[in-house]
PDB file of N, CA and C in Angstrom:
ATOM      1  N   MET A   1      -3.176 -75.315   8.801  1.00  0.00           N
ATOM      2  CA  MET A   1      -2.884 -76.557   9.471  1.00  0.00           C
ATOM      3  C   MET A   1      -1.524 -76.507  10.151  1.00  0.00           C
ATOM      4  N   ILE A   2      -0.582 -75.815   9.542  1.00  0.00           N
ATOM      5  CA  ILE A   2       0.745 -75.691  10.140  1.00  0.00           C
ATOM      6  C   ILE A   2       0.647 -74.963  11.475  1.00  0.00           C
ATOM      7  N   ASN A   3      -0.187 -73.931  11.549  1.00  0.00           N
ATOM      8  CA  ASN A   3      -0.325 -73.178  12.790  1.00  0.00           C
ATOM      9  C   ASN A   3      -0.878 -74.050  13.910  1.00  0.00           C
ATOM     10  N   VAL A   4      -1.813 -74.939  13.588  1.00  0.00           N
ATOM     11  CA  VAL A   4      -2.355 -75.860  14.586  1.00  0.00           C
ATOM     12  C   VAL A   4      -1.252 -76.779  15.088  1.00  0.00           C
ATOM     13  N   LYS A   5      -0.390 -77.241  14.199  1.00  0.00           N
ATOM     14  CA  LYS A   5       0.726 -78.095  14.612  1.00  0.00           C
ATOM     15  C   LYS A   5       1.678 -77.344  15.535  1.00  0.00           C
ATOM     16  N   ILE A   6       1.906 -76.068  15.263  1.00  0.00           N
ATOM     17  CA  ILE A   6       2.771 -75.261  16.130  1.00  0.00           C
ATOM     18  C   ILE A   6       2.165 -75.172  17.527  1.00  0.00           C
ATOM     19  N   VAL A   7       0.864 -74.926  17.611  1.00  0.00           N
ATOM     20  CA  VAL A   7       0.202 -74.844  18.910  1.00  0.00           C
ATOM     21  C   VAL A   7       0.293 -76.178  19.632  1.00  0.00           C
ATOM     22  N   LYS A   8       0.090 -77.291  18.915  1.00  0.00           N
ATOM     23  CA  LYS A   8       0.183 -78.612  19.547  1.00  0.00           C
ATOM     24  C   LYS A   8       1.591 -78.875  20.065  1.00  0.00           C
ATOM     25  N   ARG A   9       2.605 -78.443  19.324  1.00  0.00           N
ATOM     26  CA  ARG A   9       3.984 -78.608  19.784  1.00  0.00           C
ATOM     27  C   ARG A   9       4.222 -77.783  21.046  1.00  0.00           C
ATOM     28  N   GLU A  10       3.722 -76.560  21.049  1.00  0.00           N
ATOM     29  CA  GLU A  10       3.851 -75.709  22.236  1.00  0.00           C
ATOM     30  C   GLU A  10       3.156 -76.354  23.430  1.00  0.00           C
ATOM     31  N   GLU A  11       2.017 -76.978  23.175  1.00  0.00           N
ATOM     32  CA  GLU A  11       1.271 -77.632  24.243  1.00  0.00           C
ATOM     33  C   GLU A  11       2.111 -78.739  24.867  1.00  0.00           C
ATOM     34  N   LYS A  12       2.757 -79.540  24.043  1.00  0.00           N
ATOM     35  CA  LYS A  12       3.607 -80.620  24.555  1.00  0.00           C
ATOM     36  C   LYS A  12       4.778 -80.073  25.352  1.00  0.00           C
ATOM     37  N   ASP A  13       5.227 -78.870  24.996  1.00  0.00           N
ATOM     38  CA  ASP A  13       6.374 -78.265  25.673  1.00  0.00           C
ATOM     39  C   ASP A  13       6.024 -77.650  27.019  1.00  0.00           C
ATOM     40  N   GLY A  14       4.771 -77.681  27.406  1.00  0.00           N
ATOM     41  CA  GLY A  14       4.510 -77.232  28.758  1.00  0.00           C
ATOM     42  C   GLY A  14       3.386 -76.257  29.024  1.00  0.00           C
ATOM     43  N   PHE A  15       2.252 -76.364  28.348  1.00  0.00           N
ATOM     44  CA  PHE A  15       1.103 -75.566  28.758  1.00  0.00           C
ATOM     45  C   PHE A  15       0.604 -76.189  30.061  1.00  0.00           C
ATOM     46  N   LYS A  16       0.928 -75.594  31.161  1.00  0.00           N
ATOM     47  CA  LYS A  16       0.521 -76.152  32.450  1.00  0.00           C
ATOM     48  C   LYS A  16      -0.816 -75.579  32.912  1.00  0.00           C
ATOM     49  N   LYS A  17      -0.947 -74.274  32.826  1.00  0.00           N
ATOM     50  CA  LYS A  17      -2.182 -73.608  33.231  1.00  0.00           C
ATOM     51  C   LYS A  17      -2.634 -72.686  32.109  1.00  0.00           C
ATOM     52  N   LEU A  18      -3.913 -72.513  32.044  1.00  0.00           N
ATOM     53  CA  LEU A  18      -4.470 -71.630  31.029  1.00  0.00           C
ATOM     54  C   LEU A  18      -4.445 -70.197  31.550  1.00  0.00           C
ATOM     55  N   TYR A  19      -3.723 -69.347  30.867  1.00  0.00           N
ATOM     56  CA  TYR A  19      -3.634 -67.935  31.214  1.00  0.00           C
ATOM     57  C   TYR A  19      -4.127 -67.113  30.032  1.00  0.00           C
ATOM     58  N   ILE A  20      -4.591 -65.909  30.326  1.00  0.00           N
ATOM     59  CA  ILE A  20      -5.069 -65.022  29.271  1.00  0.00           C
ATOM     60  C   ILE A  20      -3.951 -64.748  28.268  1.00  0.00           C
ATOM     61  N   ARG A  21      -2.743 -64.571  28.768  1.00  0.00           N
ATOM     62  CA  ARG A  21      -1.593 -64.350  27.881  1.00  0.00           C
ATOM     63  C   ARG A  21      -1.426 -65.542  26.930  1.00  0.00           C
ATOM     64  N   LEU A  22      -1.617 -66.743  27.444  1.00  0.00           N
ATOM     65  CA  LEU A  22      -1.510 -67.949  26.626  1.00  0.00           C
ATOM     66  C   LEU A  22      -2.597 -67.976  25.548  1.00  0.00           C
ATOM     67  N   ILE A  23      -3.808 -67.625  25.924  1.00  0.00           N
ATOM     68  CA  ILE A  23      -4.906 -67.589  24.951  1.00  0.00           C
ATOM     69  C   ILE A  23      -4.576 -66.612  23.826  1.00  0.00           C
ATOM     70  N   ARG A  24      -4.051 -65.459  24.194  1.00  0.00           N
ATOM     71  CA  ARG A  24      -3.677 -64.465  23.181  1.00  0.00           C
ATOM     72  C   ARG A  24      -2.548 -64.971  22.291  1.00  0.00           C
ATOM     73  N   ASN A  25      -1.570 -65.635  22.884  1.00  0.00           N
ATOM     74  CA  ASN A  25      -0.456 -66.178  22.090  1.00  0.00           C
ATOM     75  C   ASN A  25      -0.940 -67.244  21.114  1.00  0.00           C
ATOM     76  N   ILE A  26      -1.812 -68.131  21.573  1.00  0.00           N
ATOM     77  CA  ILE A  26      -2.361 -69.173  20.696  1.00  0.00           C
ATOM     78  C   ILE A  26      -3.130 -68.526  19.545  1.00  0.00           C
ATOM     79  N   HIS A  27      -3.930 -67.527  19.858  1.00  0.00           N
ATOM     80  CA  HIS A  27      -4.699 -66.824  18.829  1.00  0.00           C
ATOM     81  C   HIS A  27      -3.772 -66.198  17.791  1.00  0.00           C
ATOM     82  N   ALA A  28      -2.691 -65.587  18.250  1.00  0.00           N
ATOM     83  CA  ALA A  28      -1.732 -64.971  17.324  1.00  0.00           C
ATOM     84  C   ALA A  28      -1.071 -66.021  16.438  1.00  0.00           C
ATOM     85  N   ILE A  29      -0.714 -67.169  17.009  1.00  0.00           N
ATOM     86  CA  ILE A  29      -0.094 -68.248  16.225  1.00  0.00           C
ATOM     87  C   ILE A  29      -1.074 -68.775  15.182  1.00  0.00           C
ATOM     88  N   LEU A  30      -2.315 -69.020  15.596  1.00  0.00           N
ATOM     89  CA  LEU A  30      -3.304 -69.591  14.676  1.00  0.00           C
ATOM     90  C   LEU A  30      -3.630 -68.651  13.519  1.00  0.00           C
ATOM     91  N   LEU A  31      -3.555 -67.346  13.749  1.00  0.00           N
ATOM     92  CA  LEU A  31      -3.884 -66.392  12.687  1.00  0.00           C
ATOM     93  C   LEU A  31      -2.666 -65.914  11.908  1.00  0.00           C
ATOM     94  N   ASP A  32      -1.495 -66.428  12.226  1.00  0.00           N
ATOM     95  CA  ASP A  32      -0.288 -66.004  11.525  1.00  0.00           C
ATOM     96  C   ASP A  32      -0.292 -66.535  10.092  1.00  0.00           C
ATOM     97  N   SER A  33      -0.194 -65.652   9.124  1.00  0.00           N
ATOM     98  CA  SER A  33      -0.085 -65.998   7.697  1.00  0.00           C
ATOM     99  C   SER A  33      -1.296 -66.743   7.149  1.00  0.00           C
ATOM    100  N   VAL A  34      -2.468 -66.497   7.704  1.00  0.00           N
ATOM    101  CA  VAL A  34      -3.699 -67.108   7.184  1.00  0.00           C
ATOM    102  C   VAL A  34      -4.769 -66.025   7.062  1.00  0.00           C
ATOM    103  N   ARG A  35      -5.906 -66.409   6.496  1.00  0.00           N
ATOM    104  CA  ARG A  35      -7.025 -65.470   6.411  1.00  0.00           C
ATOM    105  C   ARG A  35      -7.358 -64.996   7.824  1.00  0.00           C
ATOM    106  N   GLY A  36      -7.443 -63.714   8.018  1.00  0.00           N
ATOM    107  CA  GLY A  36      -7.706 -63.153   9.332  1.00  0.00           C
ATOM    108  C   GLY A  36      -6.473 -62.575   9.999  1.00  0.00           C
ATOM    109  N   GLN A  37      -5.321 -62.694   9.322  1.00  0.00           N
ATOM    110  CA  GLN A  37      -4.083 -62.189   9.924  1.00  0.00           C
ATOM    111  C   GLN A  37      -4.109 -60.677  10.133  1.00  0.00           C
ATOM    112  N   ASN A  38      -5.008 -59.997   9.459  1.00  0.00           N
ATOM    113  CA  ASN A  38      -5.130 -58.543   9.628  1.00  0.00           C
ATOM    114  C   ASN A  38      -6.207 -58.174  10.644  1.00  0.00           C
ATOM    115  N   LYS A  39      -6.712 -59.140  11.379  1.00  0.00           N
ATOM    116  CA  LYS A  39      -7.813 -58.926  12.322  1.00  0.00           C
ATOM    117  C   LYS A  39      -7.339 -58.863  13.771  1.00  0.00           C
ATOM    118  N   GLN A  40      -6.203 -58.259  14.018  1.00  0.00           N
ATOM    119  CA  GLN A  40      -5.658 -58.085  15.366  1.00  0.00           C
ATOM    120  C   GLN A  40      -5.376 -59.418  16.065  1.00  0.00           C
ATOM    121  N   PRO A  41      -4.551 -60.283  15.474  1.00  0.00           N
ATOM    122  CA  PRO A  41      -4.232 -61.553  16.117  1.00  0.00           C
ATOM    123  C   PRO A  41      -3.621 -61.340  17.494  1.00  0.00           C
ATOM    124  N   GLY A  42      -4.070 -62.123  18.443  1.00  0.00           N
ATOM    125  CA  GLY A  42      -3.545 -62.036  19.797  1.00  0.00           C
ATOM    126  C   GLY A  42      -4.175 -60.942  20.639  1.00  0.00           C
ATOM    127  N   GLU A  43      -5.193 -60.295  20.111  1.00  0.00           N
ATOM    128  CA  GLU A  43      -5.864 -59.210  20.840  1.00  0.00           C
ATOM    129  C   GLU A  43      -7.349 -59.527  20.981  1.00  0.00           C
ATOM    130  N   PHE A  44      -7.952 -58.991  22.032  1.00  0.00           N
ATOM    131  CA  PHE A  44      -9.398 -59.095  22.163  1.00  0.00           C
ATOM    132  C   PHE A  44     -10.042 -58.088  21.222  1.00  0.00           C
ATOM    133  N   ARG A  45     -11.260 -58.370  20.823  1.00  0.00           N
ATOM    134  CA  ARG A  45     -11.927 -57.500  19.860  1.00  0.00           C
ATOM    135  C   ARG A  45     -12.123 -56.105  20.432  1.00  0.00           C
ATOM    136  N   LYS A  46     -12.212 -55.153  19.520  1.00  0.00           N
ATOM    137  CA  LYS A  46     -12.312 -53.747  19.909  1.00  0.00           C
ATOM    138  C   LYS A  46     -13.626 -53.114  19.439  1.00  0.00           C
ATOM    139  N   SER A  47     -14.566 -53.941  19.009  1.00  0.00           N
ATOM    140  CA  SER A  47     -15.870 -53.432  18.589  1.00  0.00           C
ATOM    141  C   SER A  47     -16.934 -54.474  18.921  1.00  0.00           C
ATOM    142  N   GLN A  48     -18.170 -54.027  18.952  1.00  0.00           N
ATOM    143  CA  GLN A  48     -19.278 -54.926  19.255  1.00  0.00           C
ATOM    144  C   GLN A  48     -19.554 -55.828  18.055  1.00  0.00           C
ATOM    145  N   ASN A  49     -19.908 -57.066  18.333  1.00  0.00           N
ATOM    146  CA  ASN A  49     -20.321 -57.977  17.270  1.00  0.00           C
ATOM    147  C   ASN A  49     -21.562 -58.733  17.725  1.00  0.00           C
ATOM    148  N   TRP A  50     -22.106 -59.561  16.854  1.00  0.00           N
ATOM    149  CA  TRP A  50     -23.288 -60.341  17.168  1.00  0.00           C
ATOM    150  C   TRP A  50     -23.366 -61.514  16.218  1.00  0.00           C
ATOM    151  N   ILE A  51     -24.236 -62.452  16.559  1.00  0.00           N
ATOM    152  CA  ILE A  51     -24.445 -63.632  15.718  1.00  0.00           C
ATOM    153  C   ILE A  51     -25.892 -63.626  15.252  1.00  0.00           C
ATOM    154  N   GLY A  52     -26.077 -63.830  13.958  1.00  0.00           N
ATOM    155  CA  GLY A  52     -27.410 -63.880  13.375  1.00  0.00           C
ATOM    156  C   GLY A  52     -28.026 -62.501  13.229  1.00  0.00           C
ATOM    157  N   GLY A  53     -28.977 -62.409  12.355  1.00  0.00           N
ATOM    158  CA  GLY A  53     -29.629 -61.130  12.131  1.00  0.00           C
ATOM    159  C   GLY A  53     -28.728 -60.162  11.386  1.00  0.00           C
ATOM    160  N   SER A  54     -29.295 -59.037  11.046  1.00  0.00           N
ATOM    161  CA  SER A  54     -28.539 -58.044  10.289  1.00  0.00           C
ATOM    162  C   SER A  54     -28.098 -56.868  11.152  1.00  0.00           C
ATOM    163  N   SER A  55     -28.524 -56.858  12.415  1.00  0.00           N
ATOM    164  CA  SER A  55     -28.145 -55.775  13.326  1.00  0.00           C
ATOM    165  C   SER A  55     -28.274 -56.266  14.767  1.00  0.00           C
ATOM    166  N   LEU A  56     -27.878 -55.426  15.709  1.00  0.00           N
ATOM    167  CA  LEU A  56     -28.008 -55.779  17.126  1.00  0.00           C
ATOM    168  C   LEU A  56     -29.465 -55.977  17.534  1.00  0.00           C
ATOM    169  N   THR A  57     -30.379 -55.284  16.888  1.00  0.00           N
ATOM    170  CA  THR A  57     -31.789 -55.365  17.286  1.00  0.00           C
ATOM    171  C   THR A  57     -32.441 -56.698  16.942  1.00  0.00           C
ATOM    172  N   ASN A  58     -31.944 -57.391  15.923  1.00  0.00           N
ATOM    173  CA  ASN A  58     -32.546 -58.685  15.584  1.00  0.00           C
ATOM    174  C   ASN A  58     -31.525 -59.827  15.629  1.00  0.00           C
ATOM    175  N   ALA A  59     -30.462 -59.651  16.403  1.00  0.00           N
ATOM    176  CA  ALA A  59     -29.426 -60.677  16.524  1.00  0.00           C
ATOM    177  C   ALA A  59     -29.928 -61.852  17.357  1.00  0.00           C
ATOM    178  N   TYR A  60     -29.395 -63.047  17.067  1.00  0.00           N
ATOM    179  CA  TYR A  60     -29.715 -64.229  17.862  1.00  0.00           C
ATOM    180  C   TYR A  60     -28.920 -64.238  19.164  1.00  0.00           C
ATOM    181  N   PHE A  61     -27.712 -63.737  19.105  1.00  0.00           N
ATOM    182  CA  PHE A  61     -26.842 -63.703  20.285  1.00  0.00           C
ATOM    183  C   PHE A  61     -25.971 -62.456  20.234  1.00  0.00           C
ATOM    184  N   ILE A  62     -25.870 -61.774  21.367  1.00  0.00           N
ATOM    185  CA  ILE A  62     -25.009 -60.596  21.484  1.00  0.00           C
ATOM    186  C   ILE A  62     -24.037 -60.849  22.634  1.00  0.00           C
ATOM    187  N   PRO A  63     -22.761 -61.026  22.331  1.00  0.00           N
ATOM    188  CA  PRO A  63     -21.780 -61.252  23.399  1.00  0.00           C
ATOM    189  C   PRO A  63     -21.542 -59.970  24.194  1.00  0.00           C
ATOM    190  N   PRO A  64     -20.823 -60.073  25.304  1.00  0.00           N
ATOM    191  CA  PRO A  64     -20.548 -58.871  26.099  1.00  0.00           C
ATOM    192  C   PRO A  64     -19.889 -57.773  25.268  1.00  0.00           C
ATOM    193  N   HIS A  65     -20.133 -56.541  25.676  1.00  0.00           N
ATOM    194  CA  HIS A  65     -19.543 -55.386  25.006  1.00  0.00           C
ATOM    195  C   HIS A  65     -18.023 -55.482  25.081  1.00  0.00           C
ATOM    196  N   HIS A  66     -17.356 -55.020  24.036  1.00  0.00           N
ATOM    197  CA  HIS A  66     -15.895 -55.132  23.969  1.00  0.00           C
ATOM    198  C   HIS A  66     -15.195 -54.440  25.133  1.00  0.00           C
ATOM    199  N   SER A  67     -15.809 -53.436  25.718  1.00  0.00           N
ATOM    200  CA  SER A  67     -15.182 -52.744  26.851  1.00  0.00           C
ATOM    201  C   SER A  67     -15.156 -53.600  28.114  1.00  0.00           C
ATOM    202  N   GLN A  68     -15.905 -54.700  28.143  1.00  0.00           N
ATOM    203  CA  GLN A  68     -15.965 -55.584  29.305  1.00  0.00           C
ATOM    204  C   GLN A  68     -15.058 -56.807  29.183  1.00  0.00           C
ATOM    205  N   ILE A  69     -14.497 -57.044  28.023  1.00  0.00           N
ATOM    206  CA  ILE A  69     -13.789 -58.297  27.772  1.00  0.00           C
ATOM    207  C   ILE A  69     -12.593 -58.495  28.696  1.00  0.00           C
ATOM    208  N   GLU A  70     -11.752 -57.478  28.864  1.00  0.00           N
ATOM    209  CA  GLU A  70     -10.568 -57.618  29.732  1.00  0.00           C
ATOM    210  C   GLU A  70     -10.982 -58.065  31.132  1.00  0.00           C
ATOM    211  N   GLU A  71     -11.967 -57.398  31.703  1.00  0.00           N
ATOM    212  CA  GLU A  71     -12.417 -57.734  33.052  1.00  0.00           C
ATOM    213  C   GLU A  71     -13.016 -59.137  33.103  1.00  0.00           C
ATOM    214  N   LEU A  72     -13.854 -59.474  32.144  1.00  0.00           N
ATOM    215  CA  LEU A  72     -14.494 -60.790  32.128  1.00  0.00           C
ATOM    216  C   LEU A  72     -13.476 -61.909  31.931  1.00  0.00           C
ATOM    217  N   MET A  73     -12.499 -61.697  31.072  1.00  0.00           N
ATOM    218  CA  MET A  73     -11.458 -62.711  30.880  1.00  0.00           C
ATOM    219  C   MET A  73     -10.595 -62.839  32.135  1.00  0.00           C
ATOM    220  N   GLY A  74     -10.364 -61.738  32.835  1.00  0.00           N
ATOM    221  CA  GLY A  74      -9.658 -61.796  34.112  1.00  0.00           C
ATOM    222  C   GLY A  74     -10.439 -62.613  35.131  1.00  0.00           C
ATOM    223  N   ASP A  75     -11.759 -62.416  35.181  1.00  0.00           N
ATOM    224  CA  ASP A  75     -12.611 -63.218  36.063  1.00  0.00           C
ATOM    225  C   ASP A  75     -12.535 -64.696  35.692  1.00  0.00           C
ATOM    226  N   PHE A  76     -12.539 -64.993  34.398  1.00  0.00           N
ATOM    227  CA  PHE A  76     -12.444 -66.373  33.916  1.00  0.00           C
ATOM    228  C   PHE A  76     -11.117 -66.997  34.342  1.00  0.00           C
ATOM    229  N   GLU A  77     -10.037 -66.253  34.187  1.00  0.00           N
ATOM    230  CA  GLU A  77      -8.719 -66.745  34.582  1.00  0.00           C
ATOM    231  C   GLU A  77      -8.686 -67.022  36.088  1.00  0.00           C
ATOM    232  N   ASN A  78      -9.229 -66.117  36.893  1.00  0.00           N
ATOM    233  CA  ASN A  78      -9.284 -66.333  38.343  1.00  0.00           C
ATOM    234  C   ASN A  78     -10.089 -67.578  38.682  1.00  0.00           C
ATOM    235  N   PHE A  79     -11.198 -67.780  37.988  1.00  0.00           N
ATOM    236  CA  PHE A  79     -12.022 -68.968  38.200  1.00  0.00           C
ATOM    237  C   PHE A  79     -11.226 -70.239  37.902  1.00  0.00           C
ATOM    238  N   LEU A  80     -10.489 -70.238  36.800  1.00  0.00           N
ATOM    239  CA  LEU A  80      -9.722 -71.423  36.415  1.00  0.00           C
ATOM    240  C   LEU A  80      -8.630 -71.763  37.420  1.00  0.00           C
ATOM    241  N   HIS A  81      -8.062 -70.756  38.060  1.00  0.00           N
ATOM    242  CA  HIS A  81      -6.929 -70.980  38.954  1.00  0.00           C
ATOM    243  C   HIS A  81      -7.321 -71.101  40.418  1.00  0.00           C
ATOM    244  N   LYS A  82      -8.580 -70.926  40.706  1.00  0.00           N
ATOM    245  CA  LYS A  82      -9.045 -71.005  42.087  1.00  0.00           C
ATOM    246  C   LYS A  82      -8.937 -72.438  42.594  1.00  0.00           C
ATOM    247  N   ARG A  83      -8.544 -72.555  43.831  1.00  0.00           N
ATOM    248  CA  ARG A  83      -8.514 -73.879  44.471  1.00  0.00           C
ATOM    249  C   ARG A  83      -9.895 -74.119  45.088  1.00  0.00           C
ATOM    250  N   TRP A  84     -10.541 -75.169  44.625  1.00  0.00           N
ATOM    251  CA  TRP A  84     -11.895 -75.477  45.065  1.00  0.00           C
ATOM    252  C   TRP A  84     -11.864 -76.623  46.065  1.00  0.00           C
ATOM    253  N   SER A  85     -12.673 -76.528  47.127  1.00  0.00           N
ATOM    254  CA  SER A  85     -12.811 -77.665  48.040  1.00  0.00           C
ATOM    255  C   SER A  85     -13.687 -78.730  47.384  1.00  0.00           C
ATOM    256  N   VAL A  86     -14.594 -78.285  46.536  1.00  0.00           N
ATOM    257  CA  VAL A  86     -15.416 -79.186  45.727  1.00  0.00           C
ATOM    258  C   VAL A  86     -15.241 -78.738  44.287  1.00  0.00           C
ATOM    259  N   ARG A  87     -14.932 -79.678  43.423  1.00  0.00           N
ATOM    260  CA  ARG A  87     -14.709 -79.327  42.019  1.00  0.00           C
ATOM    261  C   ARG A  87     -16.027 -78.899  41.378  1.00  0.00           C
ATOM    262  N   PRO A  88     -16.072 -77.709  40.767  1.00  0.00           N
ATOM    263  CA  PRO A  88     -17.318 -77.257  40.136  1.00  0.00           C
ATOM    264  C   PRO A  88     -17.653 -78.101  38.905  1.00  0.00           C
ATOM    265  N   TYR A  89     -18.937 -78.331  38.703  1.00  0.00           N
ATOM    266  CA  TYR A  89     -19.393 -79.063  37.524  1.00  0.00           C
ATOM    267  C   TYR A  89     -19.662 -78.066  36.414  1.00  0.00           C
ATOM    268  N   ILE A  90     -19.034 -78.293  35.287  1.00  0.00           N
ATOM    269  CA  ILE A  90     -19.275 -77.445  34.123  1.00  0.00           C
ATOM    270  C   ILE A  90     -19.766 -78.355  33.013  1.00  0.00           C
ATOM    271  N   GLY A  91     -20.996 -78.182  32.603  1.00  0.00           N
ATOM    272  CA  GLY A  91     -21.550 -79.023  31.549  1.00  0.00           C
ATOM    273  C   GLY A  91     -23.031 -78.751  31.416  1.00  0.00           C
ATOM    274  N   ASN A  92     -23.690 -79.579  30.622  1.00  0.00           N
ATOM    275  CA  ASN A  92     -25.130 -79.391  30.496  1.00  0.00           C
ATOM    276  C   ASN A  92     -25.854 -80.445  31.317  1.00  0.00           C
ATOM    277  N   LYS A  93     -27.133 -80.260  31.498  1.00  0.00           N
ATOM    278  CA  LYS A  93     -27.907 -81.124  32.392  1.00  0.00           C
ATOM    279  C   LYS A  93     -28.612 -82.262  31.669  1.00  0.00           C
ATOM    280  N   THR A  94     -28.212 -82.563  30.449  1.00  0.00           N
ATOM    281  CA  THR A  94     -28.909 -83.618  29.709  1.00  0.00           C
ATOM    282  C   THR A  94     -28.424 -84.982  30.078  1.00  0.00           C
TER     283      THR A  94
END
């Protein structure tokens, strides 16, 4: 809970734009001195993972391969900072 308060204080001090460096810093703060602190805080994952099932073959969801994360996060950052003539809609259609 203390780590969340630190992030909130940092936010008040001036998170103006979302940058990949900022995401990594927040991740490092949140994992400091808590369970998971040995799991490379502030870094993108370095191995494949999945959700559900006992292996990749029967997983419910398989995120992008770890070798693609840097590029994909760079694309995400560019998307966030792009000046749009029409604001893109991000949400569900319900």
